[in-house]
Amino acid sequence: MKRANYTLVSEFVLQGFSSFHEHKLTLFVVFSALYFLTLAGNVIIVMIISIDRHLHTPMYFFLSMLSISETIYTLVIVPRMLASLIGLGQPISLGGCATQMFFFIMLAINNCFLLTAMGYDRYVAICNPLRYTVIMNKRVCTQLLLGACSIGLLVAIIQISAVFRLPFCDKEVAHYFCDIRPVMKLSCEDTALHDIINFIVSSLVIVVPMGLVFISYILIISTILKIASTEGRKKAFATCASHLTVVIVHYGCASIAYLKPKSENTRDQDQLISVTYTVFTPLLNPVVYTLRNKEVKDALHCAIGKKSLT
């Protein structure tokens, strides 16, 4: 019977925020505002970095790549989520679900390793300032970018191949997008082995880059504390503050979502945690780098000033 049932499943239905039925309109308004702010913020960052020649440095190269990745990341998930909140949600085919999951995994991992590359950039800038331009040349930056993208692509292919090889007996996905755990719960087969593999993969792609970033910051802090002048220490810390803020929130949310025990939270709690890294975290990047970063703020003011003069 299970085999017969699974052959009939050709599409999934994303249940979305069915537990928050009374608040759907409020959620739609809030998430829509955050979504458009995220898109606008990341587009502005990419444009400012491309226009202002003072920002043509490795640090801002990685920031622009992160902004592009975050923009695509939100486009993959949020529009369908918003449609479901106002009753326009449609069933999603197996192929559509696999595509959404593929881009979600690839871009999420890509973001993790881009933040690691940015951490390495800050390490070289502060710990080896005289060799910065030699070490962080265009070739190295390109290799770090390609490495981040390749790891994301490889893991996404492996995860998608494992999940969609399973037979499915149910089509009601208890989530607002095709995430790995909610989709695997619909399988007719025991997914214990898949759960273990998924946990190991998640641990590696979160803990490894997070560990590399924190090692970089241990070395950075030890170097900064050796700087004699208070002004020099403040300036060095200021160059890292924006990146460190994004890193803590990004890896913190990812760890809570994917490294916690399987049955620790309820479905509603899981969805609220997911909202933090699919809606709020992508907005954090433009907010932090425009409000806390003096170089980006100066470039933005300069661009606005030029536009007003013309």
C-alpha atoms as a PDB file:
ATOM      1  CA  MET A   1       0.000   0.000   0.000  1.00  0.00           C
ATOM      2  CA  LYS A   2       2.820   2.400   0.827  1.00  0.00           C
ATOM      3  CA  ARG A   3       4.327   1.938  -2.609  1.00  0.00           C
ATOM      4  CA  ALA A   4       0.957   2.576  -4.238  1.00  0.00           C
ATOM      5  CA  ASN A   5       0.423   5.705  -2.177  1.00  0.00           C
ATOM      6  CA  TYR A   6       3.815   7.204  -2.884  1.00  0.00           C
ATOM      7  CA  THR A   7       3.428   6.869  -6.648  1.00  0.00           C
ATOM      8  CA  LEU A   8       0.374   9.166  -6.432  1.00  0.00           C
ATOM      9  CA  VAL A   9       2.340  11.997  -4.792  1.00  0.00           C
ATOM     10  CA  SER A  10       3.302  14.292  -7.665  1.00  0.00           C
ATOM     11  CA  GLU A  11       3.118  17.558  -5.747  1.00  0.00           C
ATOM     12  CA  PHE A  12       3.368  18.982  -2.249  1.00  0.00           C
ATOM     13  CA  VAL A  13       1.149  21.434  -0.378  1.00  0.00           C
ATOM     14  CA  LEU A  14       3.026  23.907   1.811  1.00  0.00           C
ATOM     15  CA  GLN A  15       0.936  24.458   4.939  1.00  0.00           C
ATOM     16  CA  GLY A  16       2.669  27.748   5.679  1.00  0.00           C
ATOM     17  CA  PHE A  17       1.553  29.607   8.803  1.00  0.00           C
ATOM     18  CA  SER A  18      -1.681  27.665   9.279  1.00  0.00           C
ATOM     19  CA  SER A  19      -1.311  27.878  13.074  1.00  0.00           C
ATOM     20  CA  PHE A  20      -1.287  31.691  12.859  1.00  0.00           C
ATOM     21  CA  HIS A  21      -4.503  31.992  10.831  1.00  0.00           C
ATOM     22  CA  GLU A  22      -5.815  35.036  12.745  1.00  0.00           C
ATOM     23  CA  HIS A  23      -2.561  36.944  12.230  1.00  0.00           C
ATOM     24  CA  LYS A  24      -1.920  36.147   8.566  1.00  0.00           C
ATOM     25  CA  LEU A  25      -2.689  39.638   7.283  1.00  0.00           C
ATOM     26  CA  THR A  26      -0.417  41.198   9.912  1.00  0.00           C
ATOM     27  CA  LEU A  27       2.355  38.747   9.044  1.00  0.00           C
ATOM     28  CA  PHE A  28       1.896  39.530   5.346  1.00  0.00           C
ATOM     29  CA  VAL A  29       2.291  43.280   5.922  1.00  0.00           C
ATOM     30  CA  VAL A  30       5.334  42.855   8.199  1.00  0.00           C
ATOM     31  CA  PHE A  31       7.094  40.273   6.005  1.00  0.00           C
ATOM     32  CA  SER A  32       6.343  42.247   2.821  1.00  0.00           C
ATOM     33  CA  ALA A  33       7.910  45.370   4.313  1.00  0.00           C
ATOM     34  CA  LEU A  34      10.979  43.429   5.456  1.00  0.00           C
ATOM     35  CA  TYR A  35      11.231  41.683   2.072  1.00  0.00           C
ATOM     36  CA  PHE A  36      11.241  44.919   0.065  1.00  0.00           C
ATOM     37  CA  LEU A  37      13.670  46.544   2.524  1.00  0.00           C
ATOM     38  CA  THR A  38      15.986  43.542   2.106  1.00  0.00           C
ATOM     39  CA  LEU A  39      15.851  43.724  -1.687  1.00  0.00           C
ATOM     40  CA  ALA A  40      16.309  47.491  -1.746  1.00  0.00           C
ATOM     41  CA  GLY A  41      19.123  47.414   0.831  1.00  0.00           C
ATOM     42  CA  ASN A  42      21.129  44.702  -0.907  1.00  0.00           C
ATOM     43  CA  VAL A  43      20.662  46.280  -4.350  1.00  0.00           C
ATOM     44  CA  ILE A  44      21.850  49.644  -2.966  1.00  0.00           C
ATOM     45  CA  ILE A  45      24.943  48.014  -1.440  1.00  0.00           C
ATOM     46  CA  VAL A  46      25.861  46.306  -4.734  1.00  0.00           C
ATOM     47  CA  MET A  47      25.325  49.527  -6.697  1.00  0.00           C
ATOM     48  CA  ILE A  48      27.301  51.691  -4.234  1.00  0.00           C
ATOM     49  CA  ILE A  49      30.232  49.246  -4.232  1.00  0.00           C
ATOM     50  CA  SER A  50      30.269  49.053  -8.039  1.00  0.00           C
ATOM     51  CA  ILE A  51      30.067  52.870  -8.433  1.00  0.00           C
ATOM     52  CA  ASP A  52      32.499  54.047  -5.740  1.00  0.00           C
ATOM     53  CA  ARG A  53      36.117  53.230  -6.653  1.00  0.00           C
ATOM     54  CA  HIS A  54      37.205  53.593  -3.015  1.00  0.00           C
ATOM     55  CA  LEU A  55      35.171  50.459  -2.249  1.00  0.00           C
ATOM     56  CA  HIS A  56      36.875  48.331  -4.907  1.00  0.00           C
ATOM     57  CA  THR A  57      38.688  46.281  -2.276  1.00  0.00           C
ATOM     58  CA  PRO A  58      38.532  42.576  -1.348  1.00  0.00           C
ATOM     59  CA  MET A  59      36.351  43.262   1.707  1.00  0.00           C
ATOM     60  CA  TYR A  60      33.674  45.041  -0.339  1.00  0.00           C
ATOM     61  CA  PHE A  61      33.999  42.562  -3.199  1.00  0.00           C
ATOM     62  CA  PHE A  62      32.928  39.800  -0.799  1.00  0.00           C
ATOM     63  CA  LEU A  63      30.243  42.061   0.680  1.00  0.00           C
ATOM     64  CA  SER A  64      28.741  42.666  -2.781  1.00  0.00           C
ATOM     65  CA  MET A  65      28.814  38.911  -3.514  1.00  0.00           C
ATOM     66  CA  LEU A  66      27.109  38.265  -0.165  1.00  0.00           C
ATOM     67  CA  SER A  67      24.438  40.872  -0.988  1.00  0.00           C
ATOM     68  CA  ILE A  68      23.770  39.241  -4.377  1.00  0.00           C
ATOM     69  CA  SER A  69      23.570  35.808  -2.756  1.00  0.00           C
ATOM     70  CA  GLU A  70      21.213  37.078  -0.025  1.00  0.00           C
ATOM     71  CA  THR A  71      18.979  38.725  -2.643  1.00  0.00           C
ATOM     72  CA  ILE A  72      18.583  35.508  -4.644  1.00  0.00           C
ATOM     73  CA  TYR A  73      18.134  33.591  -1.373  1.00  0.00           C
ATOM     74  CA  THR A  74      15.110  35.709  -0.401  1.00  0.00           C
ATOM     75  CA  LEU A  75      13.668  35.564  -3.936  1.00  0.00           C
ATOM     76  CA  VAL A  76      13.695  31.757  -3.735  1.00  0.00           C
ATOM     77  CA  ILE A  77      11.628  31.581  -0.532  1.00  0.00           C
ATOM     78  CA  VAL A  78       9.766  34.761   0.431  1.00  0.00           C
ATOM     79  CA  PRO A  79       7.448  35.414  -2.590  1.00  0.00           C
ATOM     80  CA  ARG A  80       5.750  32.015  -2.257  1.00  0.00           C
ATOM     81  CA  MET A  81       5.501  32.511   1.509  1.00  0.00           C
ATOM     82  CA  LEU A  82       3.806  35.899   1.031  1.00  0.00           C
ATOM     83  CA  ALA A  83       1.383  34.428  -1.521  1.00  0.00           C
ATOM     84  CA  SER A  84       0.355  31.698   0.932  1.00  0.00           C
ATOM     85  CA  LEU A  85      -0.348  34.299   3.644  1.00  0.00           C
ATOM     86  CA  ILE A  86      -3.038  35.981   1.500  1.00  0.00           C
ATOM     87  CA  GLY A  87      -4.557  32.742   0.216  1.00  0.00           C
ATOM     88  CA  LEU A  88      -2.823  32.666  -3.162  1.00  0.00           C
ATOM     89  CA  GLY A  89      -0.593  29.711  -2.385  1.00  0.00           C
ATOM     90  CA  GLN A  90      -0.563  26.896  -4.932  1.00  0.00           C
ATOM     91  CA  PRO A  91       0.622  23.289  -4.641  1.00  0.00           C
ATOM     92  CA  ILE A  92       4.272  22.901  -5.572  1.00  0.00           C
ATOM     93  CA  SER A  93       5.432  20.085  -7.851  1.00  0.00           C
ATOM     94  CA  LEU A  94       8.146  17.674  -6.752  1.00  0.00           C
ATOM     95  CA  GLY A  95      10.456  19.312  -9.275  1.00  0.00           C
ATOM     96  CA  GLY A  96       9.555  22.781  -7.994  1.00  0.00           C
ATOM     97  CA  CYS A  97      10.125  21.699  -4.401  1.00  0.00           C
ATOM     98  CA  ALA A  98      13.488  20.143  -5.316  1.00  0.00           C
ATOM     99  CA  THR A  99      14.504  23.338  -7.136  1.00  0.00           C
ATOM    100  CA  GLN A 100      13.571  25.554  -4.186  1.00  0.00           C
ATOM    101  CA  MET A 101      15.402  23.269  -1.758  1.00  0.00           C
ATOM    102  CA  PHE A 102      18.451  23.134  -4.051  1.00  0.00           C
ATOM    103  CA  PHE A 103      18.837  26.921  -4.247  1.00  0.00           C
ATOM    104  CA  PHE A 104      18.086  27.312  -0.536  1.00  0.00           C
ATOM    105  CA  ILE A 105      20.825  24.860   0.470  1.00  0.00           C
ATOM    106  CA  MET A 106      23.352  26.111  -2.073  1.00  0.00           C
ATOM    107  CA  LEU A 107      22.902  29.802  -1.225  1.00  0.00           C
ATOM    108  CA  ALA A 108      22.745  29.251   2.550  1.00  0.00           C
ATOM    109  CA  ILE A 109      26.058  27.360   2.486  1.00  0.00           C
ATOM    110  CA  ASN A 110      27.502  29.872   0.047  1.00  0.00           C
ATOM    111  CA  ASN A 111      26.666  32.652   2.534  1.00  0.00           C
ATOM    112  CA  CYS A 112      28.363  30.749   5.374  1.00  0.00           C
ATOM    113  CA  PHE A 113      31.627  30.415   3.454  1.00  0.00           C
ATOM    114  CA  LEU A 114      31.493  33.977   2.096  1.00  0.00           C
ATOM    115  CA  LEU A 115      31.390  35.180   5.705  1.00  0.00           C
ATOM    116  CA  THR A 116      34.419  32.966   6.336  1.00  0.00           C
ATOM    117  CA  ALA A 117      36.233  34.556   3.385  1.00  0.00           C
ATOM    118  CA  MET A 118      35.386  37.998   4.801  1.00  0.00           C
ATOM    119  CA  GLY A 119      36.788  36.899   8.170  1.00  0.00           C
ATOM    120  CA  TYR A 120      40.032  35.794   6.489  1.00  0.00           C
ATOM    121  CA  ASP A 121      40.177  39.149   4.704  1.00  0.00           C
ATOM    122  CA  ARG A 122      39.894  40.993   8.060  1.00  0.00           C
ATOM    123  CA  TYR A 123      42.577  38.705   9.531  1.00  0.00           C
ATOM    124  CA  VAL A 124      45.040  39.526   6.743  1.00  0.00           C
ATOM    125  CA  ALA A 125      44.206  43.262   6.854  1.00  0.00           C
ATOM    126  CA  ILE A 126      44.898  43.535  10.594  1.00  0.00           C
ATOM    127  CA  CYS A 127      47.507  40.848  11.238  1.00  0.00           C
ATOM    128  CA  ASN A 128      49.489  41.283   7.986  1.00  0.00           C
ATOM    129  CA  PRO A 129      48.702  44.839   6.828  1.00  0.00           C
ATOM    130  CA  LEU A 130      51.946  45.319   4.869  1.00  0.00           C
ATOM    131  CA  ARG A 131      51.294  42.186   2.778  1.00  0.00           C
ATOM    132  CA  TYR A 132      47.515  42.706   2.456  1.00  0.00           C
ATOM    133  CA  THR A 133      47.472  43.709  -1.211  1.00  0.00           C
ATOM    134  CA  VAL A 134      49.878  40.908  -2.095  1.00  0.00           C
ATOM    135  CA  ILE A 135      47.953  38.174  -0.255  1.00  0.00           C
ATOM    136  CA  MET A 136      44.416  39.344  -1.064  1.00  0.00           C
ATOM    137  CA  ASN A 137      44.927  39.775  -4.802  1.00  0.00           C
ATOM    138  CA  LYS A 138      42.216  39.278  -7.433  1.00  0.00           C
ATOM    139  CA  ARG A 139      43.178  35.664  -8.038  1.00  0.00           C
ATOM    140  CA  VAL A 140      42.888  34.737  -4.346  1.00  0.00           C
ATOM    141  CA  CYS A 141      39.557  36.575  -4.021  1.00  0.00           C
ATOM    142  CA  THR A 142      38.201  34.740  -7.078  1.00  0.00           C
ATOM    143  CA  GLN A 143      39.407  31.399  -5.707  1.00  0.00           C
ATOM    144  CA  LEU A 144      37.726  32.039  -2.332  1.00  0.00           C
ATOM    145  CA  LEU A 145      34.475  32.989  -4.102  1.00  0.00           C
ATOM    146  CA  LEU A 146      34.568  29.928  -6.354  1.00  0.00           C
ATOM    147  CA  GLY A 147      35.389  27.739  -3.350  1.00  0.00           C
ATOM    148  CA  ALA A 148      32.346  29.020  -1.435  1.00  0.00           C
ATOM    149  CA  CYS A 149      30.080  28.502  -4.463  1.00  0.00           C
ATOM    150  CA  SER A 150      31.505  25.042  -5.223  1.00  0.00           C
ATOM    151  CA  ILE A 151      30.972  23.772  -1.663  1.00  0.00           C
ATOM    152  CA  GLY A 152      27.386  25.046  -1.699  1.00  0.00           C
ATOM    153  CA  LEU A 153      26.725  23.480  -5.100  1.00  0.00           C
ATOM    154  CA  LEU A 154      28.235  20.112  -4.147  1.00  0.00           C
ATOM    155  CA  VAL A 155      26.365  19.820  -0.831  1.00  0.00           C
ATOM    156  CA  ALA A 156      23.083  20.895  -2.473  1.00  0.00           C
ATOM    157  CA  ILE A 157      23.416  18.214  -5.173  1.00  0.00           C
ATOM    158  CA  ILE A 158      24.187  15.517  -2.572  1.00  0.00           C
ATOM    159  CA  GLN A 159      21.312  16.559  -0.271  1.00  0.00           C
ATOM    160  CA  ILE A 160      18.733  16.859  -3.068  1.00  0.00           C
ATOM    161  CA  SER A 161      19.744  13.494  -4.513  1.00  0.00           C
ATOM    162  CA  ALA A 162      19.322  11.845  -1.100  1.00  0.00           C
ATOM    163  CA  VAL A 163      15.973  13.474  -0.210  1.00  0.00           C
ATOM    164  CA  PHE A 164      14.164  13.071  -3.532  1.00  0.00           C
ATOM    165  CA  ARG A 165      15.236   9.476  -3.902  1.00  0.00           C
ATOM    166  CA  LEU A 166      12.858   8.693  -1.031  1.00  0.00           C
ATOM    167  CA  PRO A 167       9.274   7.505  -1.673  1.00  0.00           C
ATOM    168  CA  PHE A 168       6.628   9.935  -0.346  1.00  0.00           C
ATOM    169  CA  CYS A 169       3.301   8.859   1.182  1.00  0.00           C
ATOM    170  CA  ASP A 170       1.982  12.290   2.181  1.00  0.00           C
ATOM    171  CA  LYS A 171       2.017  15.682   0.499  1.00  0.00           C
ATOM    172  CA  GLU A 172       1.294  18.129   3.364  1.00  0.00           C
ATOM    173  CA  VAL A 173       4.603  19.888   4.127  1.00  0.00           C
ATOM    174  CA  ALA A 174       4.436  21.399   7.634  1.00  0.00           C
ATOM    175  CA  HIS A 175       6.415  24.469   6.631  1.00  0.00           C
ATOM    176  CA  TYR A 176       6.256  27.554   4.401  1.00  0.00           C
ATOM    177  CA  PHE A 177       9.064  26.346   2.105  1.00  0.00           C
ATOM    178  CA  CYS A 178      10.682  23.074   1.088  1.00  0.00           C
ATOM    179  CA  ASP A 179      13.199  22.550   3.868  1.00  0.00           C
ATOM    180  CA  ILE A 180      14.941  19.207   4.286  1.00  0.00           C
ATOM    181  CA  ARG A 181      13.460  17.959   7.582  1.00  0.00           C
ATOM    182  CA  PRO A 182       9.769  18.742   6.864  1.00  0.00           C
ATOM    183  CA  VAL A 183       9.994  17.104   3.416  1.00  0.00           C
ATOM    184  CA  MET A 184      11.759  13.990   4.734  1.00  0.00           C
ATOM    185  CA  LYS A 185       8.969  13.528   7.303  1.00  0.00           C
ATOM    186  CA  LEU A 186       6.618  12.748   4.386  1.00  0.00           C
ATOM    187  CA  SER A 187       8.617   9.706   3.344  1.00  0.00           C
ATOM    188  CA  CYS A 188       7.142   6.203   3.530  1.00  0.00           C
ATOM    189  CA  GLU A 189      10.508   4.840   4.640  1.00  0.00           C
ATOM    190  CA  ASP A 190      12.440   5.150   7.880  1.00  0.00           C
ATOM    191  CA  THR A 191      14.636   8.250   7.520  1.00  0.00           C
ATOM    192  CA  ALA A 192      16.809   7.711  10.611  1.00  0.00           C
ATOM    193  CA  LEU A 193      19.965   7.208   8.511  1.00  0.00           C
ATOM    194  CA  HIS A 194      19.124  10.228   6.350  1.00  0.00           C
ATOM    195  CA  ASP A 195      18.565  12.309   9.497  1.00  0.00           C
ATOM    196  CA  ILE A 196      22.002  11.355  10.813  1.00  0.00           C
ATOM    197  CA  ILE A 197      23.668  12.163   7.486  1.00  0.00           C
ATOM    198  CA  ASN A 198      21.771  15.461   7.276  1.00  0.00           C
ATOM    199  CA  PHE A 199      22.882  16.373  10.810  1.00  0.00           C
ATOM    200  CA  ILE A 200      26.530  15.548  10.010  1.00  0.00           C
ATOM    201  CA  VAL A 201      26.448  17.587   6.789  1.00  0.00           C
ATOM    202  CA  SER A 202      24.711  20.506   8.549  1.00  0.00           C
ATOM    203  CA  SER A 203      27.268  20.377  11.351  1.00  0.00           C
ATOM    204  CA  LEU A 204      30.186  20.466   8.910  1.00  0.00           C
ATOM    205  CA  VAL A 205      28.885  23.349   6.783  1.00  0.00           C
ATOM    206  CA  ILE A 206      28.025  25.419   9.872  1.00  0.00           C
ATOM    207  CA  VAL A 207      30.677  24.481  12.456  1.00  0.00           C
ATOM    208  CA  VAL A 208      33.691  24.428  10.084  1.00  0.00           C
ATOM    209  CA  PRO A 209      33.237  27.948   8.618  1.00  0.00           C
ATOM    210  CA  MET A 210      32.107  29.273  12.012  1.00  0.00           C
ATOM    211  CA  GLY A 211      35.209  27.786  13.635  1.00  0.00           C
ATOM    212  CA  LEU A 212      37.476  29.323  10.975  1.00  0.00           C
ATOM    213  CA  VAL A 213      35.876  32.732  11.517  1.00  0.00           C
ATOM    214  CA  PHE A 214      36.315  32.574  15.283  1.00  0.00           C
ATOM    215  CA  ILE A 215      39.949  31.438  14.923  1.00  0.00           C
ATOM    216  CA  SER A 216      40.475  34.468  12.668  1.00  0.00           C
ATOM    217  CA  TYR A 217      38.966  36.740  15.310  1.00  0.00           C
ATOM    218  CA  ILE A 218      41.033  35.249  18.134  1.00  0.00           C
ATOM    219  CA  LEU A 219      44.144  36.103  16.119  1.00  0.00           C
ATOM    220  CA  ILE A 220      42.707  39.521  15.191  1.00  0.00           C
ATOM    221  CA  ILE A 221      41.879  40.418  18.806  1.00  0.00           C
ATOM    222  CA  SER A 222      45.291  39.287  20.035  1.00  0.00           C
ATOM    223  CA  THR A 223      46.916  41.516  17.385  1.00  0.00           C
ATOM    224  CA  ILE A 224      44.660  44.501  18.185  1.00  0.00           C
ATOM    225  CA  LEU A 225      45.464  44.276  21.914  1.00  0.00           C
ATOM    226  CA  LYS A 226      49.149  44.684  21.046  1.00  0.00           C
ATOM    227  CA  ILE A 227      48.483  48.052  19.351  1.00  0.00           C
ATOM    228  CA  ALA A 228      49.891  50.769  21.581  1.00  0.00           C
ATOM    229  CA  SER A 229      47.494  53.637  20.887  1.00  0.00           C
ATOM    230  CA  THR A 230      43.859  53.616  22.016  1.00  0.00           C
ATOM    231  CA  GLU A 231      42.847  55.314  18.775  1.00  0.00           C
ATOM    232  CA  GLY A 232      44.568  52.579  16.756  1.00  0.00           C
ATOM    233  CA  ARG A 233      42.754  49.850  18.688  1.00  0.00           C
ATOM    234  CA  LYS A 234      39.396  51.577  18.195  1.00  0.00           C
ATOM    235  CA  LYS A 235      39.985  51.928  14.453  1.00  0.00           C
ATOM    236  CA  ALA A 236      40.983  48.269  14.129  1.00  0.00           C
ATOM    237  CA  PHE A 237      37.928  47.091  16.081  1.00  0.00           C
ATOM    238  CA  ALA A 238      35.685  49.357  13.988  1.00  0.00           C
ATOM    239  CA  THR A 239      36.771  47.652  10.760  1.00  0.00           C
ATOM    240  CA  CYS A 240      35.595  44.298  12.173  1.00  0.00           C
ATOM    241  CA  ALA A 241      32.446  45.340  14.061  1.00  0.00           C
ATOM    242  CA  SER A 242      30.010  45.113  11.128  1.00  0.00           C
ATOM    243  CA  HIS A 243      31.277  41.726   9.960  1.00  0.00           C
ATOM    244  CA  LEU A 244      31.373  40.280  13.472  1.00  0.00           C
ATOM    245  CA  THR A 245      27.766  41.386  14.120  1.00  0.00           C
ATOM    246  CA  VAL A 246      26.537  39.671  10.938  1.00  0.00           C
ATOM    247  CA  VAL A 247      28.591  36.542  11.721  1.00  0.00           C
ATOM    248  CA  ILE A 248      27.187  36.126  15.248  1.00  0.00           C
ATOM    249  CA  VAL A 249      23.559  36.488  14.131  1.00  0.00           C
ATOM    250  CA  HIS A 250      23.974  34.396  10.958  1.00  0.00           C
ATOM    251  CA  TYR A 251      25.754  31.429  12.559  1.00  0.00           C
ATOM    252  CA  GLY A 252      23.663  31.732  15.704  1.00  0.00           C
ATOM    253  CA  CYS A 253      20.389  31.362  13.799  1.00  0.00           C
ATOM    254  CA  ALA A 254      21.773  28.556  11.616  1.00  0.00           C
ATOM    255  CA  SER A 255      23.038  26.637  14.665  1.00  0.00           C
ATOM    256  CA  ILE A 256      19.707  26.918  16.502  1.00  0.00           C
ATOM    257  CA  ALA A 257      17.791  25.795  13.414  1.00  0.00           C
ATOM    258  CA  TYR A 258      19.920  22.860  12.266  1.00  0.00           C
ATOM    259  CA  LEU A 259      22.097  21.687  15.156  1.00  0.00           C
ATOM    260  CA  LYS A 260      19.367  21.287  17.779  1.00  0.00           C
ATOM    261  CA  PRO A 261      17.842  17.862  18.622  1.00  0.00           C
ATOM    262  CA  LYS A 262      15.188  16.777  16.134  1.00  0.00           C
ATOM    263  CA  SER A 263      12.155  16.932  18.453  1.00  0.00           C
ATOM    264  CA  GLU A 264      13.225  19.760  20.753  1.00  0.00           C
ATOM    265  CA  ASN A 265      10.861  22.424  19.365  1.00  0.00           C
ATOM    266  CA  THR A 266       7.252  22.456  18.238  1.00  0.00           C
ATOM    267  CA  ARG A 267       6.281  23.136  14.638  1.00  0.00           C
ATOM    268  CA  ASP A 268       5.396  26.762  15.460  1.00  0.00           C
ATOM    269  CA  GLN A 269       8.755  27.300  17.153  1.00  0.00           C
ATOM    270  CA  ASP A 270      10.558  25.788  14.173  1.00  0.00           C
ATOM    271  CA  GLN A 271       8.750  28.167  11.816  1.00  0.00           C
ATOM    272  CA  LEU A 272       9.589  31.189  13.953  1.00  0.00           C
ATOM    273  CA  ILE A 273      13.247  30.132  14.001  1.00  0.00           C
ATOM    274  CA  SER A 274      13.121  29.706  10.205  1.00  0.00           C
ATOM    275  CA  VAL A 275      11.719  33.230   9.832  1.00  0.00           C
ATOM    276  CA  THR A 276      14.821  34.626  11.547  1.00  0.00           C
ATOM    277  CA  TYR A 277      17.198  33.253   8.902  1.00  0.00           C
ATOM    278  CA  THR A 278      14.943  33.568   5.842  1.00  0.00           C
ATOM    279  CA  VAL A 279      13.476  37.040   6.521  1.00  0.00           C
ATOM    280  CA  PHE A 280      15.417  38.875   9.239  1.00  0.00           C
ATOM    281  CA  THR A 281      19.017  37.733   8.648  1.00  0.00           C
ATOM    282  CA  PRO A 282      19.109  38.788   4.940  1.00  0.00           C
ATOM    283  CA  LEU A 283      17.980  42.268   6.056  1.00  0.00           C
ATOM    284  CA  LEU A 284      20.719  42.412   8.674  1.00  0.00           C
ATOM    285  CA  ASN A 285      23.482  42.586   6.059  1.00  0.00           C
ATOM    286  CA  PRO A 286      22.439  45.914   4.434  1.00  0.00           C
ATOM    287  CA  VAL A 287      21.275  47.411   7.748  1.00  0.00           C
ATOM    288  CA  VAL A 288      24.526  46.705   9.591  1.00  0.00           C
ATOM    289  CA  TYR A 289      26.806  47.698   6.729  1.00  0.00           C
ATOM    290  CA  THR A 290      24.962  50.951   6.005  1.00  0.00           C
ATOM    291  CA  LEU A 291      24.400  52.051   9.604  1.00  0.00           C
ATOM    292  CA  ARG A 292      27.696  50.937  11.182  1.00  0.00           C
ATOM    293  CA  ASN A 293      30.179  51.115   8.317  1.00  0.00           C
ATOM    294  CA  LYS A 294      31.595  54.614   7.779  1.00  0.00           C
ATOM    295  CA  GLU A 295      33.012  53.917   4.299  1.00  0.00           C
ATOM    296  CA  VAL A 296      29.682  52.651   2.952  1.00  0.00           C
ATOM    297  CA  LYS A 297      27.791  55.540   4.602  1.00  0.00           C
ATOM    298  CA  ASP A 298      30.211  58.070   3.103  1.00  0.00           C
ATOM    299  CA  ALA A 299      29.891  56.477  -0.344  1.00  0.00           C
ATOM    300  CA  LEU A 300      26.099  56.490  -0.046  1.00  0.00           C
ATOM    301  CA  HIS A 301      26.032  60.168   1.005  1.00  0.00           C
ATOM    302  CA  CYS A 302      28.395  61.012  -1.845  1.00  0.00           C
ATOM    303  CA  ALA A 303      26.175  59.203  -4.381  1.00  0.00           C
ATOM    304  CA  ILE A 304      23.034  60.915  -3.047  1.00  0.00           C
ATOM    305  CA  GLY A 305      24.815  64.283  -3.101  1.00  0.00           C
ATOM    306  CA  LYS A 306      25.895  63.847  -6.723  1.00  0.00           C
ATOM    307  CA  LYS A 307      22.371  62.835  -7.740  1.00  0.00           C
ATOM    308  CA  SER A 308      20.821  65.868  -6.034  1.00  0.00           C
ATOM    309  CA  LEU A 309      23.292  68.195  -7.783  1.00  0.00           C
ATOM    310  CA  THR A 310      22.405  66.785 -11.199  1.00  0.00           C
END
